[in-house]
């Protein structure tokens, strides 16, 4: 599909890629560690994938969650698949912290901590994660 954003663009910094999908680092200071798992071929709905393809894709999402939990110790991990704006199969994997800009609301919800700034420890941990993601992903 020529007008699809994810078919025309990587979607951001690719931390890991294989034939089936790629994992993108979303550069957002309010949500350090935000990852997106994007199917490499254009399909609109999860039910367009075979059962085995869904298992493979979801295993990548779960690995991302495991890595984020180990590296950043978030309060919660949000996992979402919407596709309203970009109808291409992809998952958002977002570490959430008790003092982040919107917690406990969704990332698009009402701001609860308008002065949120990530701690220097979180910034450092996120940088280490970003630089070592592929290795961490492959050993899980």
N, C-alpha and C. Protein backbone atom coordinates (compact mmCIF):
# COMPACT_ATOMS: atom_id res chain seq x y z
N UNK A 1 0.85 -1.18 0.00
CA UNK A 1 0.00 0.00 0.00
C UNK A 1 0.90 1.23 0.00
N UNK A 2 0.88 1.98 -1.07
CA UNK A 2 1.84 3.06 -1.26
C UNK A 2 1.66 4.23 -0.30
N UNK A 3 0.45 4.49 0.20
CA UNK A 3 0.26 5.62 1.09
C UNK A 3 0.46 5.27 2.57
N UNK A 4 0.78 4.04 2.88
CA UNK A 4 0.97 3.61 4.26
C UNK A 4 2.30 4.12 4.82
N UNK A 5 2.23 4.81 5.96
CA UNK A 5 3.42 5.36 6.59
C UNK A 5 4.46 4.28 6.88
N UNK A 6 4.03 3.15 7.46
CA UNK A 6 4.98 2.10 7.83
C UNK A 6 5.51 1.32 6.63
N UNK A 7 4.82 1.37 5.52
CA UNK A 7 5.34 0.74 4.30
C UNK A 7 6.36 1.63 3.61
N UNK A 8 6.25 2.94 3.80
CA UNK A 8 7.16 3.89 3.17
C UNK A 8 8.33 4.28 4.05
N UNK A 9 8.20 4.10 5.38
CA UNK A 9 9.21 4.57 6.33
C UNK A 9 9.51 3.48 7.36
N UNK A 10 10.68 3.56 7.94
CA UNK A 10 11.01 2.62 9.01
C UNK A 10 10.15 2.90 10.23
N UNK A 11 9.76 4.15 10.42
CA UNK A 11 8.95 4.52 11.58
C UNK A 11 9.77 5.03 12.74
N UNK A 12 11.08 5.12 12.57
CA UNK A 12 11.95 5.59 13.64
C UNK A 12 13.25 4.82 13.64
N UNK A 13 13.96 4.91 14.73
CA UNK A 13 15.24 4.20 14.86
C UNK A 13 14.98 2.71 15.05
N UNK A 14 15.44 1.90 14.11
CA UNK A 14 15.24 0.46 14.17
C UNK A 14 16.28 -0.14 15.12
N UNK A 15 15.79 -0.75 16.21
CA UNK A 15 16.68 -1.39 17.17
C UNK A 15 16.93 -2.85 16.82
N UNK A 16 15.94 -3.46 16.17
CA UNK A 16 16.04 -4.86 15.77
C UNK A 16 15.12 -5.07 14.58
N UNK A 17 15.55 -5.92 13.66
CA UNK A 17 14.71 -6.23 12.51
C UNK A 17 14.94 -7.68 12.09
N UNK A 18 13.87 -8.32 11.65
CA UNK A 18 13.96 -9.65 11.07
C UNK A 18 13.00 -9.67 9.87
N UNK A 19 12.82 -10.81 9.25
CA UNK A 19 11.93 -10.87 8.08
C UNK A 19 10.50 -10.45 8.41
N UNK A 20 10.03 -10.80 9.60
CA UNK A 20 8.62 -10.61 9.94
C UNK A 20 8.28 -9.22 10.48
N UNK A 21 9.19 -8.64 11.26
CA UNK A 21 8.86 -7.38 11.96
C UNK A 21 10.13 -6.60 12.27
N UNK A 22 9.90 -5.37 12.72
CA UNK A 22 11.00 -4.53 13.21
C UNK A 22 10.56 -3.89 14.52
N UNK A 23 11.54 -3.58 15.35
CA UNK A 23 11.27 -2.95 16.64
C UNK A 23 11.89 -1.56 16.60
N UNK A 24 11.06 -0.57 16.86
CA UNK A 24 11.43 0.84 16.71
C UNK A 24 11.52 1.50 18.07
N UNK A 25 12.54 2.33 18.25
CA UNK A 25 12.67 3.18 19.43
C UNK A 25 11.91 4.47 19.14
N UNK A 26 10.96 4.81 19.99
CA UNK A 26 10.21 6.06 19.85
C UNK A 26 10.89 7.11 20.71
N UNK A 27 11.40 8.13 20.09
CA UNK A 27 12.17 9.16 20.79
C UNK A 27 11.22 10.15 21.45
N UNK A 28 10.82 9.84 22.69
CA UNK A 28 9.86 10.66 23.43
C UNK A 28 10.35 10.79 24.86
N UNK A 29 10.80 11.96 25.23
CA UNK A 29 11.35 12.19 26.58
C UNK A 29 10.31 11.97 27.68
N UNK A 30 9.03 12.07 27.35
CA UNK A 30 7.99 11.81 28.35
C UNK A 30 7.79 10.32 28.58
N UNK A 31 8.21 9.50 27.63
CA UNK A 31 8.02 8.05 27.72
C UNK A 31 9.29 7.34 27.28
N UNK A 32 10.34 7.48 28.05
CA UNK A 32 11.61 6.83 27.72
C UNK A 32 11.43 5.32 27.70
N UNK A 33 11.93 4.71 26.65
CA UNK A 33 11.81 3.27 26.48
C UNK A 33 10.62 2.85 25.64
N UNK A 34 9.85 3.80 25.15
CA UNK A 34 8.68 3.52 24.31
C UNK A 34 9.15 2.80 23.05
N UNK A 35 8.59 1.62 22.81
CA UNK A 35 8.93 0.81 21.65
C UNK A 35 7.69 0.58 20.79
N UNK A 36 7.92 0.34 19.52
CA UNK A 36 6.84 -0.02 18.61
C UNK A 36 7.31 -1.25 17.83
N UNK A 37 6.49 -2.28 17.83
CA UNK A 37 6.76 -3.50 17.07
C UNK A 37 5.89 -3.44 15.81
N UNK A 38 6.54 -3.38 14.65
CA UNK A 38 5.83 -3.13 13.38
C UNK A 38 6.00 -4.33 12.45
N UNK A 39 4.89 -4.85 11.97
CA UNK A 39 4.92 -5.91 10.97
C UNK A 39 5.58 -5.37 9.71
N UNK A 40 6.44 -6.15 9.08
CA UNK A 40 7.17 -5.66 7.91
C UNK A 40 6.36 -5.69 6.62
N UNK A 41 5.29 -6.43 6.58
CA UNK A 41 4.44 -6.41 5.38
C UNK A 41 3.12 -5.73 5.73
N UNK A 42 2.49 -5.19 4.72
CA UNK A 42 1.28 -4.42 4.98
C UNK A 42 0.07 -5.33 5.17
N UNK A 43 -0.41 -5.35 6.40
CA UNK A 43 -1.69 -5.96 6.73
C UNK A 43 -2.38 -5.02 7.69
N UNK A 44 -3.68 -5.00 7.63
CA UNK A 44 -4.45 -4.02 8.40
C UNK A 44 -4.88 -4.55 9.77
N UNK A 45 -5.22 -5.81 9.86
CA UNK A 45 -5.77 -6.38 11.10
C UNK A 45 -4.98 -7.62 11.52
N UNK A 46 -4.97 -7.88 12.82
CA UNK A 46 -4.28 -9.06 13.34
C UNK A 46 -4.86 -10.35 12.75
N UNK A 47 -6.15 -10.34 12.46
CA UNK A 47 -6.77 -11.54 11.88
C UNK A 47 -6.38 -11.76 10.43
N UNK A 48 -5.66 -10.82 9.83
CA UNK A 48 -5.11 -11.02 8.49
C UNK A 48 -3.84 -11.87 8.53
N UNK A 49 -3.26 -12.03 9.71
CA UNK A 49 -2.06 -12.86 9.88
C UNK A 49 -2.49 -14.29 10.20
N UNK A 50 -1.62 -15.23 9.88
CA UNK A 50 -1.87 -16.61 10.29
C UNK A 50 -1.68 -16.72 11.80
N UNK A 51 -2.14 -17.81 12.35
CA UNK A 51 -1.97 -18.05 13.79
C UNK A 51 -0.49 -18.01 14.17
N UNK A 52 0.34 -18.70 13.39
CA UNK A 52 1.78 -18.74 13.69
C UNK A 52 2.42 -17.36 13.57
N UNK A 53 2.00 -16.57 12.59
CA UNK A 53 2.52 -15.21 12.46
C UNK A 53 2.14 -14.35 13.67
N UNK A 54 0.91 -14.52 14.14
CA UNK A 54 0.47 -13.79 15.33
C UNK A 54 1.29 -14.19 16.55
N UNK A 55 1.54 -15.47 16.71
CA UNK A 55 2.35 -15.95 17.84
C UNK A 55 3.75 -15.35 17.77
N UNK A 56 4.36 -15.38 16.60
CA UNK A 56 5.70 -14.82 16.41
C UNK A 56 5.74 -13.33 16.74
N UNK A 57 4.76 -12.59 16.25
CA UNK A 57 4.69 -11.15 16.51
C UNK A 57 4.48 -10.87 17.99
N UNK A 58 3.56 -11.61 18.61
CA UNK A 58 3.28 -11.37 20.02
C UNK A 58 4.45 -11.77 20.91
N UNK A 59 5.20 -12.79 20.51
CA UNK A 59 6.41 -13.14 21.26
C UNK A 59 7.39 -11.98 21.27
N UNK A 60 7.48 -11.26 20.17
CA UNK A 60 8.35 -10.07 20.12
C UNK A 60 7.85 -9.01 21.09
N UNK A 61 6.53 -8.80 21.13
CA UNK A 61 5.95 -7.82 22.06
C UNK A 61 6.27 -8.21 23.50
N UNK A 62 6.11 -9.48 23.84
CA UNK A 62 6.38 -9.96 25.20
C UNK A 62 7.86 -9.81 25.53
N UNK A 63 8.74 -10.11 24.59
CA UNK A 63 10.17 -9.91 24.82
C UNK A 63 10.47 -8.44 25.10
N UNK A 64 9.83 -7.55 24.35
CA UNK A 64 10.01 -6.11 24.59
C UNK A 64 9.58 -5.76 26.01
N UNK A 65 8.44 -6.28 26.43
CA UNK A 65 7.98 -6.02 27.80
C UNK A 65 9.00 -6.52 28.82
N UNK A 66 9.49 -7.73 28.64
CA UNK A 66 10.47 -8.29 29.57
C UNK A 66 11.72 -7.42 29.65
N UNK A 67 12.22 -7.00 28.51
CA UNK A 67 13.42 -6.16 28.47
C UNK A 67 13.17 -4.84 29.17
N UNK A 68 12.04 -4.20 28.89
CA UNK A 68 11.73 -2.91 29.52
C UNK A 68 11.60 -3.06 31.03
N UNK A 69 10.95 -4.12 31.48
CA UNK A 69 10.79 -4.33 32.93
C UNK A 69 12.15 -4.51 33.60
N UNK A 70 13.01 -5.30 32.98
CA UNK A 70 14.33 -5.54 33.57
C UNK A 70 15.21 -4.30 33.54
N UNK A 71 15.16 -3.57 32.45
CA UNK A 71 16.08 -2.43 32.27
C UNK A 71 15.63 -1.17 32.98
N UNK A 72 14.31 -0.93 33.04
CA UNK A 72 13.82 0.37 33.51
C UNK A 72 12.97 0.30 34.78
N UNK A 73 12.53 -0.88 35.17
CA UNK A 73 11.68 -1.07 36.37
C UNK A 73 10.48 -0.13 36.40
N UNK A 74 9.67 -0.12 35.35
CA UNK A 74 8.50 0.76 35.35
C UNK A 74 7.43 0.26 36.31
N UNK A 75 6.51 1.15 36.63
CA UNK A 75 5.36 0.78 37.45
C UNK A 75 4.43 -0.16 36.68
N UNK A 76 4.32 0.06 35.37
CA UNK A 76 3.41 -0.69 34.51
C UNK A 76 3.91 -0.61 33.08
N UNK A 77 3.54 -1.60 32.29
CA UNK A 77 3.80 -1.57 30.85
C UNK A 77 2.44 -1.48 30.15
N UNK A 78 2.27 -0.50 29.28
CA UNK A 78 1.07 -0.42 28.45
C UNK A 78 1.38 -1.05 27.10
N UNK A 79 0.51 -1.96 26.68
CA UNK A 79 0.63 -2.60 25.37
C UNK A 79 -0.66 -2.32 24.62
N UNK A 80 -0.53 -1.75 23.43
CA UNK A 80 -1.73 -1.36 22.69
C UNK A 80 -1.53 -1.54 21.19
N UNK A 81 -2.63 -1.85 20.53
CA UNK A 81 -2.66 -1.92 19.07
C UNK A 81 -3.94 -1.23 18.62
N UNK A 82 -3.80 -0.04 18.03
CA UNK A 82 -4.96 0.71 17.58
C UNK A 82 -5.07 0.67 16.06
N UNK A 83 -4.19 1.37 15.38
CA UNK A 83 -4.18 1.38 13.93
C UNK A 83 -5.19 2.30 13.28
N UNK A 84 -5.83 3.16 14.06
CA UNK A 84 -6.81 4.08 13.46
C UNK A 84 -6.14 5.10 12.55
N UNK A 85 -5.03 5.64 12.98
CA UNK A 85 -4.32 6.65 12.20
C UNK A 85 -3.48 5.98 11.11
N UNK A 86 -2.81 4.90 11.48
CA UNK A 86 -1.98 4.15 10.54
C UNK A 86 -2.47 2.71 10.52
N UNK A 87 -3.36 2.36 9.59
CA UNK A 87 -3.93 1.02 9.55
C UNK A 87 -2.94 -0.02 8.99
N UNK A 88 -1.96 -0.33 9.81
CA UNK A 88 -0.89 -1.29 9.49
C UNK A 88 -0.60 -1.98 10.82
N UNK A 89 -0.55 -3.30 10.84
CA UNK A 89 -0.38 -4.02 12.10
C UNK A 89 0.89 -3.57 12.81
N UNK A 90 0.71 -3.08 14.03
CA UNK A 90 1.83 -2.69 14.89
C UNK A 90 1.35 -2.63 16.34
N UNK A 91 2.29 -2.80 17.25
CA UNK A 91 2.02 -2.75 18.69
C UNK A 91 2.84 -1.65 19.33
N UNK A 92 2.23 -0.95 20.27
CA UNK A 92 2.92 0.03 21.11
C UNK A 92 3.26 -0.66 22.43
N UNK A 93 4.50 -0.54 22.88
CA UNK A 93 4.92 -1.10 24.16
C UNK A 93 5.53 0.06 24.94
N UNK A 94 4.80 0.52 25.96
CA UNK A 94 5.15 1.78 26.62
C UNK A 94 5.37 1.58 28.11
N UNK A 95 6.60 1.80 28.59
CA UNK A 95 6.82 1.74 30.03
C UNK A 95 6.19 2.95 30.71
N UNK A 96 5.50 2.72 31.81
CA UNK A 96 4.83 3.79 32.53
C UNK A 96 5.40 3.88 33.94
N UNK A 97 5.56 5.10 34.38
CA UNK A 97 6.13 5.37 35.69
C UNK A 97 5.13 6.16 36.53
N UNK A 98 5.13 5.92 37.82
CA UNK A 98 4.14 6.50 38.72
C UNK A 98 4.08 8.02 38.65
N UNK A 99 5.19 8.64 38.25
CA UNK A 99 5.22 10.10 38.18
C UNK A 99 5.30 10.62 36.74
N UNK A 100 5.03 9.73 35.73
CA UNK A 100 5.12 10.22 34.36
C UNK A 100 4.00 11.22 34.05
N UNK A 101 4.10 11.86 32.93
CA UNK A 101 3.26 13.01 32.60
C UNK A 101 1.76 12.74 32.71
N UNK A 102 1.32 11.52 32.41
CA UNK A 102 -0.11 11.21 32.39
C UNK A 102 -0.55 10.16 33.41
N UNK A 103 0.37 9.53 34.11
CA UNK A 103 0.03 8.39 34.98
C UNK A 103 -0.98 8.81 36.04
N UNK A 104 -2.00 8.01 36.30
CA UNK A 104 -2.32 6.69 35.77
C UNK A 104 -3.18 6.72 34.50
N UNK A 105 -3.40 7.88 33.95
CA UNK A 105 -4.21 8.02 32.74
C UNK A 105 -3.47 7.47 31.52
N UNK A 106 -4.20 7.19 30.44
CA UNK A 106 -3.51 6.79 29.21
C UNK A 106 -2.63 7.93 28.70
N UNK A 107 -1.70 7.60 27.85
CA UNK A 107 -0.73 8.59 27.38
C UNK A 107 -1.38 9.73 26.62
N UNK A 108 -2.57 9.55 26.12
CA UNK A 108 -3.29 10.61 25.42
C UNK A 108 -4.32 11.29 26.34
N UNK A 109 -4.38 10.85 27.60
CA UNK A 109 -5.38 11.38 28.52
C UNK A 109 -4.95 12.67 29.20
N UNK A 110 -5.69 13.01 30.23
CA UNK A 110 -5.43 14.23 30.99
C UNK A 110 -4.04 14.17 31.64
N UNK A 111 -3.31 15.26 31.55
CA UNK A 111 -1.99 15.36 32.16
C UNK A 111 -2.16 15.45 33.68
N UNK A 112 -1.45 14.59 34.39
CA UNK A 112 -1.52 14.58 35.85
C UNK A 112 -0.26 15.13 36.51
N UNK A 113 0.84 15.11 35.78
CA UNK A 113 2.13 15.60 36.30
C UNK A 113 2.74 16.54 35.26
N UNK A 114 2.25 17.78 35.16
CA UNK A 114 2.70 18.68 34.09
C UNK A 114 4.18 19.03 34.13
N UNK A 115 4.80 18.91 35.28
CA UNK A 115 6.22 19.26 35.41
C UNK A 115 7.14 18.05 35.33
N UNK A 116 6.61 16.92 34.87
CA UNK A 116 7.40 15.69 34.83
C UNK A 116 8.68 15.86 34.03
N UNK A 117 9.76 15.41 34.61
CA UNK A 117 11.06 15.29 33.95
C UNK A 117 11.63 13.94 34.35
N UNK A 118 12.08 13.13 33.41
CA UNK A 118 12.65 11.84 33.79
C UNK A 118 13.91 12.05 34.63
N UNK A 119 14.10 11.15 35.58
CA UNK A 119 15.28 11.24 36.44
C UNK A 119 16.55 10.96 35.64
N UNK A 120 17.67 11.40 36.15
CA UNK A 120 18.95 11.13 35.48
C UNK A 120 19.21 9.63 35.42
N UNK A 121 18.76 8.90 36.45
CA UNK A 121 18.93 7.44 36.46
C UNK A 121 18.14 6.79 35.33
N UNK A 122 16.90 7.27 35.12
CA UNK A 122 16.07 6.73 34.05
C UNK A 122 16.65 7.08 32.69
N UNK A 123 17.12 8.29 32.53
CA UNK A 123 17.73 8.71 31.26
C UNK A 123 18.93 7.83 30.95
N UNK A 124 19.76 7.57 31.95
CA UNK A 124 20.94 6.73 31.77
C UNK A 124 20.55 5.29 31.44
N UNK A 125 19.59 4.74 32.18
CA UNK A 125 19.15 3.36 31.95
C UNK A 125 18.54 3.22 30.55
N UNK A 126 17.77 4.22 30.12
CA UNK A 126 17.16 4.18 28.79
C UNK A 126 18.23 4.23 27.69
N UNK A 127 19.27 5.02 27.90
CA UNK A 127 20.36 5.11 26.92
C UNK A 127 21.09 3.77 26.80
N UNK A 128 21.33 3.14 27.94
CA UNK A 128 21.99 1.82 27.93
C UNK A 128 21.10 0.80 27.22
N UNK A 129 19.81 0.83 27.53
CA UNK A 129 18.85 -0.06 26.88
C UNK A 129 18.85 0.15 25.36
N UNK A 130 18.78 1.38 24.95
CA UNK A 130 18.74 1.71 23.52
C UNK A 130 19.98 1.18 22.80
N UNK A 131 21.13 1.32 23.41
CA UNK A 131 22.39 0.90 22.80
C UNK A 131 22.58 -0.61 22.80
N UNK A 132 21.91 -1.31 23.71
CA UNK A 132 22.12 -2.75 23.87
C UNK A 132 20.88 -3.59 23.56
N UNK A 133 19.87 -2.96 22.99
CA UNK A 133 18.59 -3.65 22.81
C UNK A 133 18.72 -4.93 22.00
N UNK A 134 19.39 -4.88 20.87
CA UNK A 134 19.46 -6.05 19.99
C UNK A 134 20.06 -7.24 20.72
N UNK A 135 21.13 -7.03 21.46
CA UNK A 135 21.75 -8.11 22.22
C UNK A 135 20.79 -8.66 23.25
N UNK A 136 20.13 -7.77 23.99
CA UNK A 136 19.16 -8.21 25.00
C UNK A 136 18.02 -8.99 24.37
N UNK A 137 17.55 -8.53 23.23
CA UNK A 137 16.43 -9.19 22.54
C UNK A 137 16.83 -10.60 22.09
N UNK A 138 18.03 -10.74 21.57
CA UNK A 138 18.46 -12.02 21.03
C UNK A 138 18.75 -13.06 22.11
N UNK A 139 19.08 -12.63 23.32
CA UNK A 139 19.40 -13.60 24.37
C UNK A 139 18.16 -14.07 25.14
N UNK A 140 17.04 -13.41 24.96
CA UNK A 140 15.81 -13.85 25.64
C UNK A 140 15.20 -15.04 24.95
